Amino acid sequence: MWTHAFRNIGAVAEPAVNRLPTGTELDAWRSFLRAHARLVRVLETELVAEHPVSLGGYDVLVQLAEAPDRRLRMAELADAVLLSRSGVTRLVDRLELAGMVTRERFTGDGRGVVAVLTTKGVDTLRAASRTHLAGVVRHFVDHFDDKELTAFGELCSRLSG
């Protein structure tokens, strides 16, 4: 169906591309995108309703909590949360205003800056984790059996690796 629609608008594979996706392949791709968008939207809504932190902010707090000394260089943090450096800077700005994160100069590099998790950040993360992880179970985990989750994890690892 979708391949037919692409042909109707004159879409053709580029010379370096062997083929266009089939209708089944596009359906799978679009289902993946819709599922991801829905899950992120639902988890974000639940988190923000109960805690003073967005899903992106929660991810920053998690990354810092798991880092040595609860600190990461801004570039490392941007890579860990899959944001641009400017995006993570704006997010850290908001978390810093809320008292959950501070910034310090990176010793050994006068230009480098690290984000550091504060006690308030740890407390916020601890409380928000209950909401977020319960949502992960309710909106994701509960829809699969163990075998399906293992297969899904392996498939996603293949895509991200």
N, C-alpha and C. Protein backbone atom coordinates (compact mmCIF):
# COMPACT_ATOMS: atom_id res chain seq x y z
N MET A 1 0.82 -1.19 0.00
CA MET A 1 0.00 0.00 0.00
C MET A 1 0.87 1.26 0.00
N TRP A 2 1.79 1.38 0.96
CA TRP A 2 2.62 2.57 1.04
C TRP A 2 3.60 2.65 -0.12
N THR A 3 4.13 1.50 -0.55
CA THR A 3 5.04 1.51 -1.68
C THR A 3 4.30 2.05 -2.90
N HIS A 4 3.04 1.64 -3.06
CA HIS A 4 2.23 2.13 -4.16
C HIS A 4 2.08 3.66 -4.05
N ALA A 5 1.83 4.16 -2.86
CA ALA A 5 1.69 5.60 -2.66
C ALA A 5 2.97 6.33 -3.03
N PHE A 6 4.12 5.77 -2.70
CA PHE A 6 5.39 6.40 -3.05
C PHE A 6 5.57 6.43 -4.56
N ARG A 7 5.18 5.36 -5.21
CA ARG A 7 5.30 5.34 -6.67
C ARG A 7 4.37 6.36 -7.29
N ASN A 8 3.20 6.56 -6.69
CA ASN A 8 2.25 7.54 -7.21
C ASN A 8 2.77 8.97 -7.14
N ILE A 9 3.67 9.23 -6.21
CA ILE A 9 4.24 10.58 -6.13
C ILE A 9 5.61 10.65 -6.77
N GLY A 10 6.01 9.57 -7.40
CA GLY A 10 7.27 9.57 -8.12
C GLY A 10 8.49 9.33 -7.27
N ALA A 11 8.32 8.80 -6.05
CA ALA A 11 9.48 8.51 -5.20
C ALA A 11 10.22 7.32 -5.76
N VAL A 12 11.51 7.47 -5.90
CA VAL A 12 12.35 6.38 -6.38
C VAL A 12 13.56 6.26 -5.48
N ALA A 13 14.12 5.08 -5.44
CA ALA A 13 15.32 4.86 -4.64
C ALA A 13 16.47 5.66 -5.22
N GLU A 14 17.26 6.26 -4.36
CA GLU A 14 18.48 6.96 -4.78
C GLU A 14 19.45 5.93 -5.34
N PRO A 15 20.39 6.35 -6.19
CA PRO A 15 21.35 5.39 -6.75
C PRO A 15 22.09 4.57 -5.71
N ALA A 16 22.39 5.16 -4.55
CA ALA A 16 23.14 4.45 -3.51
C ALA A 16 22.24 3.54 -2.67
N VAL A 17 20.91 3.67 -2.84
CA VAL A 17 19.96 2.88 -2.07
C VAL A 17 19.45 1.75 -2.97
N ASN A 18 19.49 0.54 -2.45
CA ASN A 18 19.09 -0.61 -3.25
C ASN A 18 17.59 -0.66 -3.53
N ARG A 19 16.78 -0.20 -2.57
CA ARG A 19 15.33 -0.33 -2.74
C ARG A 19 14.61 0.57 -1.77
N LEU A 20 13.34 0.78 -2.01
CA LEU A 20 12.46 1.46 -1.07
C LEU A 20 11.87 0.41 -0.13
N PRO A 21 11.45 0.82 1.07
CA PRO A 21 10.83 -0.15 1.98
C PRO A 21 9.50 -0.63 1.42
N THR A 22 9.16 -1.86 1.77
CA THR A 22 7.87 -2.41 1.38
C THR A 22 6.78 -1.81 2.26
N GLY A 23 5.54 -2.06 1.90
CA GLY A 23 4.43 -1.59 2.72
C GLY A 23 4.47 -2.17 4.12
N THR A 24 4.80 -3.44 4.23
CA THR A 24 4.91 -4.09 5.54
C THR A 24 6.03 -3.46 6.36
N GLU A 25 7.15 -3.18 5.71
CA GLU A 25 8.29 -2.56 6.40
C GLU A 25 7.94 -1.15 6.87
N LEU A 26 7.25 -0.40 6.03
CA LEU A 26 6.83 0.95 6.44
C LEU A 26 5.81 0.90 7.57
N ASP A 27 4.90 -0.07 7.51
CA ASP A 27 3.93 -0.23 8.59
C ASP A 27 4.64 -0.50 9.92
N ALA A 28 5.65 -1.37 9.89
CA ALA A 28 6.41 -1.68 11.11
C ALA A 28 7.13 -0.43 11.61
N TRP A 29 7.74 0.30 10.70
CA TRP A 29 8.46 1.53 11.06
C TRP A 29 7.52 2.54 11.69
N ARG A 30 6.38 2.75 11.07
CA ARG A 30 5.43 3.73 11.59
C ARG A 30 4.83 3.27 12.92
N SER A 31 4.61 2.00 13.08
CA SER A 31 4.12 1.48 14.36
C SER A 31 5.14 1.74 15.46
N PHE A 32 6.40 1.52 15.15
CA PHE A 32 7.48 1.79 16.10
C PHE A 32 7.48 3.27 16.49
N LEU A 33 7.40 4.16 15.49
CA LEU A 33 7.41 5.60 15.78
C LEU A 33 6.19 6.01 16.61
N ARG A 34 5.01 5.49 16.27
CA ARG A 34 3.80 5.83 17.03
C ARG A 34 3.90 5.32 18.47
N ALA A 35 4.38 4.09 18.64
CA ALA A 35 4.52 3.52 19.98
C ALA A 35 5.50 4.33 20.81
N HIS A 36 6.64 4.67 20.24
CA HIS A 36 7.64 5.46 20.95
C HIS A 36 7.06 6.81 21.36
N ALA A 37 6.42 7.49 20.41
CA ALA A 37 5.86 8.82 20.70
C ALA A 37 4.80 8.74 21.80
N ARG A 38 3.94 7.72 21.72
CA ARG A 38 2.89 7.57 22.73
C ARG A 38 3.48 7.29 24.11
N LEU A 39 4.44 6.38 24.17
CA LEU A 39 5.06 6.05 25.45
C LEU A 39 5.75 7.26 26.06
N VAL A 40 6.50 7.99 25.27
CA VAL A 40 7.19 9.18 25.78
C VAL A 40 6.18 10.21 26.27
N ARG A 41 5.13 10.42 25.50
CA ARG A 41 4.10 11.40 25.89
C ARG A 41 3.43 11.01 27.20
N VAL A 42 3.04 9.74 27.34
CA VAL A 42 2.36 9.28 28.55
C VAL A 42 3.30 9.35 29.76
N LEU A 43 4.53 8.87 29.60
CA LEU A 43 5.48 8.89 30.72
C LEU A 43 5.81 10.33 31.13
N GLU A 44 5.96 11.22 30.16
CA GLU A 44 6.23 12.64 30.45
C GLU A 44 5.06 13.25 31.22
N THR A 45 3.86 12.99 30.76
CA THR A 45 2.66 13.55 31.41
C THR A 45 2.56 13.10 32.86
N GLU A 46 2.75 11.81 33.09
CA GLU A 46 2.68 11.29 34.46
C GLU A 46 3.77 11.88 35.35
N LEU A 47 4.97 11.99 34.82
CA LEU A 47 6.09 12.50 35.61
C LEU A 47 5.88 13.97 35.98
N VAL A 48 5.52 14.78 35.01
CA VAL A 48 5.34 16.21 35.24
C VAL A 48 4.15 16.48 36.17
N ALA A 49 3.13 15.63 36.10
CA ALA A 49 1.96 15.82 36.96
C ALA A 49 2.30 15.63 38.44
N GLU A 50 3.29 14.80 38.72
CA GLU A 50 3.59 14.48 40.11
C GLU A 50 4.90 15.05 40.64
N HIS A 51 5.79 15.49 39.74
CA HIS A 51 7.11 15.93 40.18
C HIS A 51 7.57 17.15 39.38
N PRO A 52 8.48 17.92 39.95
CA PRO A 52 8.94 19.13 39.26
C PRO A 52 10.06 18.85 38.24
N VAL A 53 9.88 17.80 37.44
CA VAL A 53 10.93 17.45 36.49
C VAL A 53 10.31 16.81 35.25
N SER A 54 10.84 17.20 34.09
CA SER A 54 10.40 16.62 32.83
C SER A 54 11.09 15.27 32.61
N LEU A 55 10.68 14.56 31.58
CA LEU A 55 11.32 13.29 31.25
C LEU A 55 12.78 13.52 30.86
N GLY A 56 13.06 14.57 30.13
CA GLY A 56 14.45 14.90 29.80
C GLY A 56 15.26 15.24 31.03
N GLY A 57 14.66 16.01 31.94
CA GLY A 57 15.34 16.34 33.19
C GLY A 57 15.58 15.11 34.03
N TYR A 58 14.60 14.21 34.06
CA TYR A 58 14.75 12.94 34.78
C TYR A 58 15.95 12.17 34.22
N ASP A 59 16.06 12.12 32.91
CA ASP A 59 17.17 11.40 32.27
C ASP A 59 18.51 12.02 32.68
N VAL A 60 18.59 13.33 32.72
CA VAL A 60 19.82 14.00 33.16
C VAL A 60 20.14 13.59 34.60
N LEU A 61 19.14 13.61 35.48
CA LEU A 61 19.37 13.24 36.87
C LEU A 61 19.84 11.79 36.99
N VAL A 62 19.26 10.89 36.20
CA VAL A 62 19.68 9.49 36.21
C VAL A 62 21.13 9.36 35.77
N GLN A 63 21.47 10.02 34.67
CA GLN A 63 22.85 9.93 34.15
C GLN A 63 23.85 10.45 35.18
N LEU A 64 23.52 11.55 35.84
CA LEU A 64 24.42 12.09 36.86
C LEU A 64 24.49 11.18 38.08
N ALA A 65 23.37 10.60 38.47
CA ALA A 65 23.35 9.70 39.63
C ALA A 65 24.23 8.48 39.38
N GLU A 66 24.29 8.02 38.15
CA GLU A 66 25.06 6.83 37.81
C GLU A 66 26.53 7.13 37.50
N ALA A 67 26.87 8.40 37.37
CA ALA A 67 28.24 8.79 37.02
C ALA A 67 29.13 8.80 38.27
N PRO A 68 30.44 8.60 38.07
CA PRO A 68 31.37 8.69 39.20
C PRO A 68 31.27 10.07 39.86
N ASP A 69 31.19 10.09 41.16
CA ASP A 69 31.06 11.32 41.94
C ASP A 69 29.84 12.15 41.56
N ARG A 70 28.88 11.52 40.89
CA ARG A 70 27.64 12.19 40.49
C ARG A 70 27.92 13.45 39.66
N ARG A 71 28.89 13.34 38.75
CA ARG A 71 29.24 14.49 37.91
C ARG A 71 29.66 14.01 36.54
N LEU A 72 29.31 14.83 35.53
CA LEU A 72 29.70 14.54 34.15
C LEU A 72 30.03 15.85 33.44
N ARG A 73 30.99 15.76 32.54
CA ARG A 73 31.25 16.91 31.66
C ARG A 73 30.01 17.12 30.81
N MET A 74 29.75 18.35 30.46
CA MET A 74 28.54 18.68 29.71
C MET A 74 28.49 17.91 28.39
N ALA A 75 29.61 17.77 27.71
CA ALA A 75 29.63 17.03 26.43
C ALA A 75 29.27 15.56 26.65
N GLU A 76 29.80 14.97 27.73
CA GLU A 76 29.47 13.57 28.04
C GLU A 76 27.98 13.43 28.39
N LEU A 77 27.46 14.41 29.11
CA LEU A 77 26.05 14.39 29.49
C LEU A 77 25.18 14.50 28.24
N ALA A 78 25.55 15.37 27.32
CA ALA A 78 24.79 15.52 26.07
C ALA A 78 24.76 14.20 25.31
N ASP A 79 25.89 13.52 25.24
CA ASP A 79 25.94 12.22 24.55
C ASP A 79 25.09 11.19 25.27
N ALA A 80 25.11 11.20 26.59
CA ALA A 80 24.38 10.20 27.37
C ALA A 80 22.87 10.36 27.25
N VAL A 81 22.39 11.59 27.15
CA VAL A 81 20.95 11.83 27.09
C VAL A 81 20.47 12.06 25.66
N LEU A 82 21.35 11.89 24.70
CA LEU A 82 21.00 12.00 23.28
C LEU A 82 20.43 13.36 22.92
N LEU A 83 21.08 14.41 23.43
CA LEU A 83 20.70 15.78 23.09
C LEU A 83 21.92 16.50 22.51
N SER A 84 21.66 17.58 21.83
CA SER A 84 22.75 18.43 21.37
C SER A 84 23.36 19.11 22.59
N ARG A 85 24.53 19.65 22.42
CA ARG A 85 25.16 20.36 23.55
C ARG A 85 24.32 21.56 23.98
N SER A 86 23.76 22.27 23.01
CA SER A 86 22.92 23.42 23.38
C SER A 86 21.64 22.95 24.06
N GLY A 87 21.09 21.82 23.62
CA GLY A 87 19.89 21.28 24.25
C GLY A 87 20.13 20.88 25.69
N VAL A 88 21.25 20.22 25.94
CA VAL A 88 21.54 19.81 27.32
C VAL A 88 21.89 21.04 28.16
N THR A 89 22.48 22.04 27.58
CA THR A 89 22.78 23.27 28.32
C THR A 89 21.49 23.91 28.80
N ARG A 90 20.49 24.01 27.94
CA ARG A 90 19.20 24.60 28.34
C ARG A 90 18.52 23.76 29.41
N LEU A 91 18.60 22.45 29.27
CA LEU A 91 17.99 21.56 30.26
C LEU A 91 18.70 21.69 31.61
N VAL A 92 20.02 21.71 31.60
CA VAL A 92 20.78 21.87 32.84
C VAL A 92 20.52 23.25 33.45
N ASP A 93 20.33 24.27 32.61
CA ASP A 93 19.97 25.60 33.12
C ASP A 93 18.71 25.51 33.99
N ARG A 94 17.70 24.82 33.49
CA ARG A 94 16.43 24.69 34.24
C ARG A 94 16.63 23.88 35.52
N LEU A 95 17.38 22.80 35.43
CA LEU A 95 17.63 21.98 36.63
C LEU A 95 18.46 22.75 37.65
N GLU A 96 19.37 23.56 37.17
CA GLU A 96 20.19 24.37 38.08
C GLU A 96 19.32 25.41 38.78
N LEU A 97 18.42 26.05 38.05
CA LEU A 97 17.50 27.02 38.67
C LEU A 97 16.63 26.36 39.74
N ALA A 98 16.29 25.10 39.52
CA ALA A 98 15.46 24.35 40.48
C ALA A 98 16.29 23.79 41.63
N GLY A 99 17.62 23.94 41.58
CA GLY A 99 18.48 23.47 42.67
C GLY A 99 18.84 22.00 42.61
N MET A 100 18.56 21.35 41.49
CA MET A 100 18.82 19.91 41.37
C MET A 100 20.22 19.60 40.84
N VAL A 101 20.83 20.57 40.19
CA VAL A 101 22.14 20.40 39.56
C VAL A 101 22.93 21.68 39.77
N THR A 102 24.22 21.54 39.90
CA THR A 102 25.10 22.71 39.88
C THR A 102 26.13 22.49 38.78
N ARG A 103 26.81 23.56 38.42
CA ARG A 103 27.90 23.46 37.44
C ARG A 103 29.18 23.87 38.12
N GLU A 104 30.23 23.17 37.76
CA GLU A 104 31.55 23.50 38.28
C GLU A 104 32.55 23.44 37.14
N ARG A 105 33.64 24.16 37.31
CA ARG A 105 34.73 24.08 36.34
C ARG A 105 35.39 22.72 36.46
N PHE A 106 35.75 22.17 35.34
CA PHE A 106 36.42 20.88 35.32
C PHE A 106 37.89 21.10 35.63
N THR A 107 38.38 20.49 36.70
CA THR A 107 39.78 20.65 37.06
C THR A 107 40.67 20.08 35.96
N GLY A 108 41.68 20.82 35.61
CA GLY A 108 42.59 20.39 34.56
C GLY A 108 42.25 20.99 33.21
N ASP A 109 41.06 21.59 33.09
CA ASP A 109 40.67 22.21 31.84
C ASP A 109 39.83 23.43 32.19
N GLY A 110 40.41 24.60 32.10
CA GLY A 110 39.73 25.82 32.49
C GLY A 110 38.47 26.10 31.70
N ARG A 111 38.36 25.53 30.50
CA ARG A 111 37.17 25.77 29.68
C ARG A 111 36.08 24.74 29.95
N GLY A 112 36.45 23.61 30.50
CA GLY A 112 35.47 22.54 30.70
C GLY A 112 34.57 22.79 31.88
N VAL A 113 33.32 22.34 31.73
CA VAL A 113 32.33 22.49 32.79
C VAL A 113 31.70 21.12 33.03
N VAL A 114 31.49 20.83 34.31
CA VAL A 114 30.80 19.60 34.68
C VAL A 114 29.48 19.94 35.34
N ALA A 115 28.49 19.08 35.11
CA ALA A 115 27.22 19.16 35.83
C ALA A 115 27.32 18.22 37.01
N VAL A 116 26.86 18.69 38.16
CA VAL A 116 26.96 17.92 39.39
C VAL A 116 25.57 17.79 40.01
N LEU A 117 25.21 16.58 40.37
CA LEU A 117 23.92 16.31 41.00
C LEU A 117 23.95 16.80 42.45
N THR A 118 22.94 17.55 42.85
CA THR A 118 22.85 18.05 44.22
C THR A 118 22.01 17.09 45.07
N THR A 119 21.98 17.34 46.35
CA THR A 119 21.14 16.55 47.25
C THR A 119 19.68 16.68 46.86
N LYS A 120 19.25 17.89 46.51
CA LYS A 120 17.86 18.08 46.05
C LYS A 120 17.62 17.28 44.78
N GLY A 121 18.60 17.21 43.90
CA GLY A 121 18.47 16.41 42.69
C GLY A 121 18.31 14.93 43.00
N VAL A 122 19.08 14.45 43.95
CA VAL A 122 18.97 13.04 44.37
C VAL A 122 17.58 12.78 44.95
N ASP A 123 17.11 13.68 45.81
CA ASP A 123 15.79 13.51 46.42
C ASP A 123 14.69 13.54 45.36
N THR A 124 14.80 14.46 44.41
CA THR A 124 13.82 14.54 43.32
C THR A 124 13.84 13.28 42.48
N LEU A 125 15.03 12.81 42.16
CA LEU A 125 15.18 11.59 41.36
C LEU A 125 14.58 10.40 42.10
N ARG A 126 14.84 10.30 43.37
CA ARG A 126 14.32 9.18 44.17
C ARG A 126 12.79 9.16 44.12
N ALA A 127 12.17 10.31 44.33
CA ALA A 127 10.70 10.38 44.31
C ALA A 127 10.15 10.17 42.90
N ALA A 128 10.76 10.80 41.92
CA ALA A 128 10.29 10.69 40.53
C ALA A 128 10.47 9.28 39.98
N SER A 129 11.47 8.57 40.46
CA SER A 129 11.73 7.21 39.97
C SER A 129 10.56 6.29 40.24
N ARG A 130 9.91 6.46 41.39
CA ARG A 130 8.76 5.61 41.70
C ARG A 130 7.66 5.80 40.64
N THR A 131 7.37 7.04 40.31
CA THR A 131 6.36 7.35 39.30
C THR A 131 6.79 6.84 37.93
N HIS A 132 8.00 7.16 37.53
CA HIS A 132 8.48 6.82 36.19
C HIS A 132 8.57 5.31 36.00
N LEU A 133 9.17 4.62 36.94
CA LEU A 133 9.36 3.17 36.78
C LEU A 133 8.03 2.42 36.84
N ALA A 134 7.10 2.91 37.66
CA ALA A 134 5.76 2.31 37.66
C ALA A 134 5.09 2.50 36.30
N GLY A 135 5.30 3.67 35.70
CA GLY A 135 4.77 3.93 34.36
C GLY A 135 5.42 3.04 33.31
N VAL A 136 6.71 2.82 33.42
CA VAL A 136 7.40 1.94 32.48
C VAL A 136 6.79 0.53 32.55
N VAL A 137 6.54 0.07 33.76
CA VAL A 137 5.94 -1.26 33.91
C VAL A 137 4.53 -1.26 33.33
N ARG A 138 3.73 -0.29 33.70
CA ARG A 138 2.32 -0.24 33.30
C ARG A 138 2.14 -0.05 31.78
N HIS A 139 2.91 0.84 31.20
CA HIS A 139 2.70 1.19 29.80
C HIS A 139 3.59 0.43 28.81
N PHE A 140 4.59 -0.29 29.32
CA PHE A 140 5.50 -1.01 28.43
C PHE A 140 5.64 -2.48 28.83
N VAL A 141 6.24 -2.72 29.97
CA VAL A 141 6.58 -4.09 30.39
C VAL A 141 5.36 -5.00 30.44
N ASP A 142 4.24 -4.51 30.99
CA ASP A 142 3.06 -5.34 31.14
C ASP A 142 2.43 -5.79 29.81
N HIS A 143 2.86 -5.23 28.71
CA HIS A 143 2.31 -5.58 27.40
C HIS A 143 3.05 -6.74 26.73
N PHE A 144 4.07 -7.26 27.40
CA PHE A 144 4.91 -8.32 26.82
C PHE A 144 5.17 -9.40 27.85
N ASP A 145 5.43 -10.62 27.37
CA ASP A 145 5.92 -11.65 28.28
C ASP A 145 7.45 -11.59 28.28
N ASP A 146 8.07 -12.39 29.13
CA ASP A 146 9.54 -12.34 29.27
C ASP A 146 10.26 -12.62 27.96
N LYS A 147 9.78 -13.59 27.22
CA LYS A 147 10.41 -13.94 25.95
C LYS A 147 10.32 -12.78 24.95
N GLU A 148 9.16 -12.14 24.88
CA GLU A 148 8.99 -11.00 23.97
C GLU A 148 9.88 -9.83 24.38
N LEU A 149 9.98 -9.58 25.69
CA LEU A 149 10.84 -8.48 26.16
C LEU A 149 12.29 -8.74 25.83
N THR A 150 12.73 -9.97 26.00
CA THR A 150 14.11 -10.32 25.66
C THR A 150 14.36 -10.10 24.18
N ALA A 151 13.44 -10.57 23.34
CA ALA A 151 13.59 -10.41 21.89
C ALA A 151 13.55 -8.93 21.51
N PHE A 152 12.64 -8.19 22.10
CA PHE A 152 12.52 -6.76 21.81
C PHE A 152 13.81 -6.03 22.20
N GLY A 153 14.33 -6.34 23.38
CA GLY A 153 15.59 -5.73 23.82
C GLY A 153 16.73 -6.04 22.87
N GLU A 154 16.80 -7.27 22.41
CA GLU A 154 17.85 -7.65 21.47
C GLU A 154 17.70 -6.92 20.14
N LEU A 155 16.47 -6.78 19.67
CA LEU A 155 16.23 -6.07 18.42
C LEU A 155 16.61 -4.59 18.54
N CYS A 156 16.21 -3.98 19.64
CA CYS A 156 16.56 -2.57 19.84
C CYS A 156 18.06 -2.38 20.01
N SER A 157 18.72 -3.32 20.65
CA SER A 157 20.19 -3.26 20.78
C SER A 157 20.84 -3.31 19.41
N ARG A 158 20.29 -4.12 18.54
CA ARG A 158 20.82 -4.20 17.18
C ARG A 158 20.69 -2.86 16.47
N LEU A 159 19.58 -2.18 16.68
CA LEU A 159 19.37 -0.87 16.05
C LEU A 159 20.27 0.20 16.64
N SER A 160 20.51 0.14 17.94
CA SER A 160 21.30 1.19 18.59
C SER A 160 22.78 0.93 18.57
N GLY A 161 23.18 -0.28 18.24
CA GLY A 161 24.60 -0.65 18.28
C GLY A 161 25.26 -0.43 17.00
